Amino acid sequence: MTTGTQHDRTAPAGDGPRRALPVEVFAVLRRHRGTLARATGRVVGLAGLAWLLLTAALFALSWPLFTHMRNQVNWYRHVEDPYLHDSSALGTVALCALPLHLLLLGLGSAALQRACSRAVAAERRPAVPEDEPASPGIRSLVAVYVLRGLVVWPLPVLVTAVSESLVGYHIDTEDEIVSRGTWLHTALQNLPFAAVAVAVLLRLALTLAPAAVADGLAPRAALRRSWSLMWTRAGGVRVLALALPLAALTAGLLRLTTELALPLRPLVRALLEQVTGNFFAAYYAGILAPVITGLLLTAALALPLAFTAFAVFHDRLRRPGA
């Protein structure tokens, strides 16, 4: 009786019984922990350095404002009057710098998303080395973040601006366009909440777009794929079931890390006031120090998990039988 020769075959990744999503996500994180840890360290470190330089540049540009505040408080002390400083000019500077902060956030997120998606792809195609140059690159991932932002956020921003201009609390009674107490006034006041709800729904529907770009799609095609996957029979519920715990985890980590970094506030404030002699510059730097530290620590702890989870989830949804 002849027996057949048995060949040692390695089953392709993704074949066989499907594991639970958390099990597969943590398996990817465990197997590729070295690569992901190095990528996270590089991204967070460079982002922290860039954020520090950007903040220092903004403080340098705002120095005349800080000097004016200091001179004003000295004058009011001299005439023995109370002084309430106006920080609206600083708010304008911060608003003008917001695109730079968003660009920095997009670049960092894109780099981490690519690393996490490549780790997931290496599970499916073990022959492909993780350090092989990836295509598409960072620009495609940044482009999908920009496109997603343009789809999601203009509506709530525009609606809030219109509502504030028509029924804002700053409008005097004699100048109001819509009378207070009417149904139209109440509707206009609550309209921004409805717009934010629509924006959240759109954001959920486009959650998987970066993972789709990292999988090889063009930015607009990735948005369409994320939208179509969201509205499948099981897609929407599963996206919600994945996104909400990750959002809660990220928010909790941000709160915890910011609280733990609060001792930096008096240290930074005292150091800068001693060096510069300007209380207001030191005050605002002290406010920012624990916030920036908390954001960087949260990014290092939460984003690799979130990006890997969405990459695994996208891979599952796009496969037949998902």
Protein backbone atom coordinates (compact mmCIF):
# COMPACT_ATOMS: atom_id res chain seq x y z
CA MET A 1 0.00 0.00 0.00
CA THR A 2 1.43 3.24 -1.07
CA THR A 3 1.19 6.20 1.24
CA GLY A 4 1.13 9.71 -0.17
CA THR A 5 3.91 12.07 0.63
CA GLN A 6 2.85 14.73 3.11
CA HIS A 7 4.05 18.25 2.43
CA ASP A 8 4.53 20.80 5.17
CA ARG A 9 2.35 23.69 4.15
CA THR A 10 1.91 26.92 6.00
CA ALA A 11 -1.61 28.21 5.78
CA PRO A 12 -1.86 31.76 4.52
CA ALA A 13 -2.65 34.33 7.13
CA GLY A 14 -6.36 34.94 7.36
CA ASP A 15 -7.32 31.33 6.35
CA GLY A 16 -8.97 28.91 8.76
CA PRO A 17 -11.32 29.72 11.60
CA ARG A 18 -11.78 33.42 12.09
CA ARG A 19 -10.71 34.71 15.47
CA ALA A 20 -12.54 37.37 17.44
CA LEU A 21 -11.59 40.91 16.44
CA PRO A 22 -9.89 41.84 19.76
CA VAL A 23 -7.89 38.60 19.67
CA GLU A 24 -6.67 39.32 16.15
CA VAL A 25 -5.86 42.95 16.94
CA PHE A 26 -3.78 42.07 20.01
CA ALA A 27 -2.10 39.26 18.07
CA VAL A 28 -0.95 41.80 15.47
CA LEU A 29 0.22 44.18 18.18
CA ARG A 30 2.12 41.39 19.94
CA ARG A 31 3.83 39.97 16.85
CA HIS A 32 4.85 43.37 15.51
CA ARG A 33 5.40 45.15 18.81
CA GLY A 34 9.00 46.04 17.98
CA THR A 35 8.17 47.63 14.63
CA LEU A 36 5.11 49.47 15.96
CA ALA A 37 6.95 50.63 19.09
CA ARG A 38 9.77 52.09 16.98
CA ALA A 39 7.31 53.76 14.60
CA THR A 40 5.30 55.18 17.50
CA GLY A 41 8.42 56.45 19.23
CA ARG A 42 9.64 58.18 16.06
CA VAL A 43 6.28 59.74 15.25
CA VAL A 44 5.48 60.93 18.78
CA GLY A 45 9.02 62.17 19.34
CA LEU A 46 9.14 64.14 16.11
CA ALA A 47 5.59 65.44 16.66
CA GLY A 48 6.53 66.57 20.15
CA LEU A 49 9.61 68.38 18.87
CA ALA A 50 7.62 70.01 16.05
CA TRP A 51 4.87 71.01 18.47
CA LEU A 52 7.43 72.54 20.82
CA LEU A 53 9.02 74.55 18.00
CA LEU A 54 5.63 75.67 16.68
CA THR A 55 4.48 76.73 20.15
CA ALA A 56 7.74 78.61 20.73
CA ALA A 57 7.30 80.41 17.39
CA LEU A 58 3.72 81.38 18.29
CA PHE A 59 4.83 82.70 21.67
CA ALA A 60 7.56 84.73 19.96
CA LEU A 61 5.01 86.21 17.54
CA SER A 62 2.65 86.92 20.44
CA TRP A 63 5.30 88.53 22.61
CA PRO A 64 4.10 92.10 21.91
CA LEU A 65 0.67 91.02 23.20
CA PHE A 66 2.19 89.59 26.38
CA THR A 67 4.21 92.77 26.84
CA HIS A 68 1.09 94.90 26.38
CA MET A 69 -0.74 92.82 29.00
CA ARG A 70 2.12 93.27 31.46
CA ASN A 71 2.26 97.04 30.88
CA GLN A 72 -1.51 97.27 31.29
CA VAL A 73 -1.54 95.41 34.59
CA ASN A 74 1.30 97.61 35.89
CA TRP A 75 -0.64 100.73 34.92
CA TYR A 76 -3.85 99.56 36.58
CA ARG A 77 -1.94 98.67 39.73
CA HIS A 78 -0.48 102.17 39.69
CA VAL A 79 -3.93 103.80 39.53
CA GLU A 80 -5.32 101.17 41.94
CA ASP A 81 -7.97 99.87 39.56
CA PRO A 82 -8.80 96.20 38.90
CA TYR A 83 -7.53 94.80 35.63
CA LEU A 84 -9.19 92.09 33.57
CA HIS A 85 -6.97 91.30 30.63
CA ASP A 86 -8.48 90.66 27.21
CA SER A 87 -7.21 87.43 25.64
CA SER A 88 -9.17 87.73 22.37
CA ALA A 89 -6.05 88.73 20.43
CA LEU A 90 -4.30 85.58 21.61
CA GLY A 91 -7.33 83.59 20.51
CA THR A 92 -7.00 85.09 17.04
CA VAL A 93 -3.33 84.07 16.88
CA ALA A 94 -4.21 80.54 18.00
CA LEU A 95 -6.98 80.34 15.40
CA CYS A 96 -4.60 81.42 12.64
CA ALA A 97 -2.15 78.72 13.74
CA LEU A 98 -4.84 76.01 13.81
CA PRO A 99 -4.11 74.80 10.21
CA LEU A 100 -0.49 74.18 11.19
CA HIS A 101 -1.55 72.15 14.22
CA LEU A 102 -4.00 70.16 12.09
CA LEU A 103 -1.28 69.52 9.49
CA LEU A 104 1.04 68.24 12.21
CA LEU A 105 -1.73 66.02 13.55
CA GLY A 106 -2.47 64.70 10.06
CA LEU A 107 1.18 63.89 9.31
CA GLY A 108 1.62 62.03 12.58
CA SER A 109 -1.63 60.12 12.20
CA ALA A 110 -0.78 59.20 8.62
CA ALA A 111 2.63 57.83 9.59
CA LEU A 112 1.16 55.73 12.41
CA GLN A 113 -1.75 54.53 10.26
CA ARG A 114 0.67 53.35 7.57
CA ALA A 115 2.80 51.45 10.08
CA CYS A 116 -0.22 49.76 11.67
CA SER A 117 -1.80 48.88 8.31
CA ARG A 118 1.48 47.37 7.09
CA ALA A 119 1.62 45.21 10.22
CA VAL A 120 -1.89 43.95 9.48
CA ALA A 121 -0.95 43.35 5.82
CA ALA A 122 2.11 41.36 6.93
CA GLU A 123 -0.25 39.00 8.75
CA ARG A 124 -2.04 38.25 5.46
CA ARG A 125 1.11 38.23 3.30
CA PRO A 126 4.01 37.10 5.52
CA ALA A 127 6.40 37.10 2.55
CA VAL A 128 6.18 40.87 2.28
CA PRO A 129 8.75 42.44 4.63
CA GLU A 130 7.38 45.11 6.95
CA ASP A 131 10.19 47.54 6.21
CA GLU A 132 9.63 47.44 2.43
CA PRO A 133 8.79 50.93 1.09
CA ALA A 134 5.02 51.31 1.26
CA SER A 135 2.72 52.54 -1.41
CA PRO A 136 0.72 54.70 -1.11
CA GLY A 137 2.76 57.12 0.90
CA ILE A 138 2.10 59.70 3.56
CA ARG A 139 0.67 62.22 1.08
CA SER A 140 -2.24 59.95 0.15
CA LEU A 141 -3.08 59.37 3.81
CA VAL A 142 -2.88 63.09 4.59
CA ALA A 143 -5.10 63.74 1.56
CA VAL A 144 -7.79 61.40 2.86
CA TYR A 145 -7.69 63.12 6.27
CA VAL A 146 -8.14 66.47 4.54
CA LEU A 147 -10.99 65.22 2.34
CA ARG A 148 -12.72 63.62 5.32
CA GLY A 149 -12.41 66.83 7.29
CA LEU A 150 -13.88 68.82 4.40
CA VAL A 151 -16.84 66.46 4.28
CA VAL A 152 -17.47 66.32 8.03
CA TRP A 153 -16.76 69.71 9.61
CA PRO A 154 -17.92 72.57 7.33
CA LEU A 155 -21.59 71.93 8.14
CA PRO A 156 -21.37 72.31 11.96
CA VAL A 157 -18.96 75.25 11.65
CA LEU A 158 -21.23 77.09 9.20
CA VAL A 159 -24.42 76.33 11.13
CA THR A 160 -22.85 77.42 14.42
CA ALA A 161 -21.64 80.69 12.88
CA VAL A 162 -25.08 81.43 11.42
CA SER A 163 -26.82 80.56 14.67
CA GLU A 164 -24.44 82.70 16.69
CA SER A 165 -24.94 85.67 14.36
CA LEU A 166 -28.74 85.42 14.55
CA VAL A 167 -29.51 84.34 18.13
CA GLY A 168 -26.21 84.62 20.00
CA TYR A 169 -26.23 85.76 23.63
CA HIS A 170 -24.06 88.74 22.69
CA ILE A 171 -26.94 90.30 20.70
CA ASP A 172 -28.81 93.04 22.58
CA THR A 173 -32.58 92.91 22.75
CA GLU A 174 -33.04 95.95 20.51
CA ASP A 175 -30.67 94.51 17.87
CA GLU A 176 -32.03 90.98 17.73
CA ILE A 177 -33.27 89.71 14.38
CA VAL A 178 -35.37 86.82 15.74
CA SER A 179 -37.45 87.54 18.84
CA ARG A 180 -36.54 85.55 21.92
CA GLY A 181 -39.08 83.04 23.15
CA THR A 182 -40.38 82.20 19.68
CA TRP A 183 -40.15 78.70 18.20
CA LEU A 184 -37.81 80.00 15.49
CA HIS A 185 -35.41 81.41 18.08
CA THR A 186 -35.39 78.09 19.96
CA ALA A 187 -34.87 76.14 16.73
CA LEU A 188 -31.96 78.33 15.67
CA GLN A 189 -30.36 77.98 19.11
CA ASN A 190 -30.54 74.17 18.93
CA LEU A 191 -29.60 73.88 15.27
CA PRO A 192 -25.83 73.56 15.98
CA PHE A 193 -26.50 70.44 18.08
CA ALA A 194 -28.29 68.83 15.14
CA ALA A 195 -25.41 69.80 12.83
CA VAL A 196 -22.87 68.26 15.21
CA ALA A 197 -24.95 65.06 15.32
CA VAL A 198 -24.89 64.91 11.50
CA ALA A 199 -21.11 65.52 11.55
CA VAL A 200 -20.59 62.68 14.05
CA LEU A 201 -22.63 60.36 11.84
CA LEU A 202 -20.58 61.35 8.78
CA ARG A 203 -17.36 60.89 10.74
CA LEU A 204 -18.41 57.38 11.75
CA ALA A 205 -19.35 56.55 8.15
CA LEU A 206 -15.88 57.61 6.96
CA THR A 207 -13.93 56.06 9.84
CA LEU A 208 -12.37 53.33 7.71
CA ALA A 209 -11.14 55.64 4.92
CA PRO A 210 -7.51 55.92 6.16
CA ALA A 211 -7.28 52.13 6.50
CA ALA A 212 -8.63 51.81 2.95
CA VAL A 213 -5.98 54.23 1.63
CA ALA A 214 -3.26 52.30 3.44
CA ASP A 215 -4.63 49.20 1.72
CA GLY A 216 -3.95 50.75 -1.69
CA LEU A 217 -6.98 52.84 -2.66
CA ALA A 218 -6.94 56.44 -3.81
CA PRO A 219 -8.31 58.95 -1.25
CA ARG A 220 -11.72 59.49 -2.90
CA ALA A 221 -12.15 55.78 -3.59
CA ALA A 222 -11.29 55.12 0.06
CA LEU A 223 -14.02 57.50 1.21
CA ARG A 224 -16.51 55.72 -1.04
CA ARG A 225 -15.44 52.31 0.24
CA SER A 226 -15.73 53.39 3.88
CA TRP A 227 -19.18 54.82 3.18
CA SER A 228 -20.36 51.64 1.43
CA LEU A 229 -18.94 49.36 4.16
CA MET A 230 -20.62 51.45 6.84
CA TRP A 231 -24.07 50.89 5.32
CA THR A 232 -23.82 47.14 4.88
CA ARG A 233 -26.03 44.88 6.96
CA ALA A 234 -23.49 44.43 9.76
CA GLY A 235 -21.06 47.26 8.99
CA GLY A 236 -22.72 50.17 10.78
CA VAL A 237 -23.36 48.34 14.04
CA ARG A 238 -19.84 46.90 14.08
CA VAL A 239 -18.22 50.25 13.29
CA LEU A 240 -20.17 51.80 16.16
CA ALA A 241 -19.29 48.92 18.49
CA LEU A 242 -15.60 49.41 17.68
CA ALA A 243 -15.43 53.21 17.51
CA LEU A 244 -17.27 54.03 20.74
CA PRO A 245 -15.04 51.98 23.11
CA LEU A 246 -11.92 53.29 21.36
CA ALA A 247 -13.17 56.87 21.68
CA ALA A 248 -13.99 56.31 25.37
CA LEU A 249 -10.56 54.78 25.95
CA THR A 250 -8.82 57.68 24.21
CA ALA A 251 -10.82 60.28 26.16
CA GLY A 252 -10.11 58.50 29.44
CA LEU A 253 -6.39 58.26 28.69
CA LEU A 254 -6.28 61.93 27.73
CA ARG A 255 -7.94 62.92 31.00
CA LEU A 256 -5.64 60.67 33.04
CA THR A 257 -2.39 61.72 31.36
CA THR A 258 -3.32 65.41 31.53
CA GLU A 259 -4.09 65.11 35.23
CA LEU A 260 -0.80 63.31 35.84
CA ALA A 261 1.03 66.07 33.96
CA LEU A 262 -0.54 68.90 35.98
CA PRO A 263 2.55 69.27 38.24
CA LEU A 264 4.31 70.63 35.14
CA ARG A 265 2.08 73.71 35.25
CA PRO A 266 3.63 75.51 38.27
CA LEU A 267 7.12 74.37 37.27
CA VAL A 268 6.88 75.77 33.72
CA ARG A 269 5.15 78.92 34.96
CA ALA A 270 7.79 79.64 37.62
CA LEU A 271 10.69 78.89 35.27
CA LEU A 272 9.45 81.06 32.42
CA GLU A 273 8.43 83.93 34.67
CA GLN A 274 11.90 83.91 36.20
CA VAL A 275 13.58 83.80 32.78
CA THR A 276 11.34 86.26 30.91
CA GLY A 277 9.88 88.42 33.67
CA ASN A 278 6.48 88.21 31.97
CA PHE A 279 3.73 86.66 34.08
CA PHE A 280 1.24 86.30 31.20
CA ALA A 281 3.61 84.39 28.90
CA ALA A 282 4.50 82.09 31.78
CA TYR A 283 0.82 81.69 32.69
CA TYR A 284 -0.26 80.54 29.23
CA ALA A 285 2.80 78.30 28.82
CA GLY A 286 1.92 76.68 32.14
CA ILE A 287 -1.60 76.01 30.86
CA LEU A 288 -0.34 74.42 27.64
CA ALA A 289 2.42 72.23 29.14
CA PRO A 290 0.23 69.50 30.72
CA VAL A 291 -2.20 69.58 27.79
CA ILE A 292 0.53 68.97 25.19
CA THR A 293 2.14 66.31 27.37
CA GLY A 294 -1.21 64.56 27.81
CA LEU A 295 -1.91 64.66 24.08
CA LEU A 296 1.48 63.14 23.20
CA LEU A 297 1.21 60.38 25.81
CA THR A 298 -2.34 59.57 24.73
CA ALA A 299 -1.24 59.39 21.10
CA ALA A 300 1.57 57.00 22.01
CA LEU A 301 -0.73 54.72 24.02
CA ALA A 302 -4.05 54.83 22.17
CA LEU A 303 -3.41 55.50 18.48
CA PRO A 304 -1.46 52.29 17.65
CA LEU A 305 -4.28 50.25 19.16
CA ALA A 306 -7.00 52.25 17.37
CA PHE A 307 -5.29 52.28 13.97
CA THR A 308 -4.50 48.56 14.15
CA ALA A 309 -8.09 47.78 15.15
CA PHE A 310 -9.52 49.77 12.26
CA ALA A 311 -7.05 48.21 9.82
CA VAL A 312 -8.02 44.68 10.94
CA PHE A 313 -11.70 45.61 10.87
CA HIS A 314 -11.46 47.06 7.35
CA ASP A 315 -9.65 43.95 6.17
CA ARG A 316 -12.45 41.79 7.56
CA LEU A 317 -15.29 43.83 6.09
CA ARG A 318 -13.85 43.97 2.60
CA ARG A 319 -13.32 40.20 2.40
CA PRO A 320 -16.14 38.03 1.04
CA GLY A 321 -18.30 36.54 3.76
CA ALA A 322 -17.64 39.41 6.19
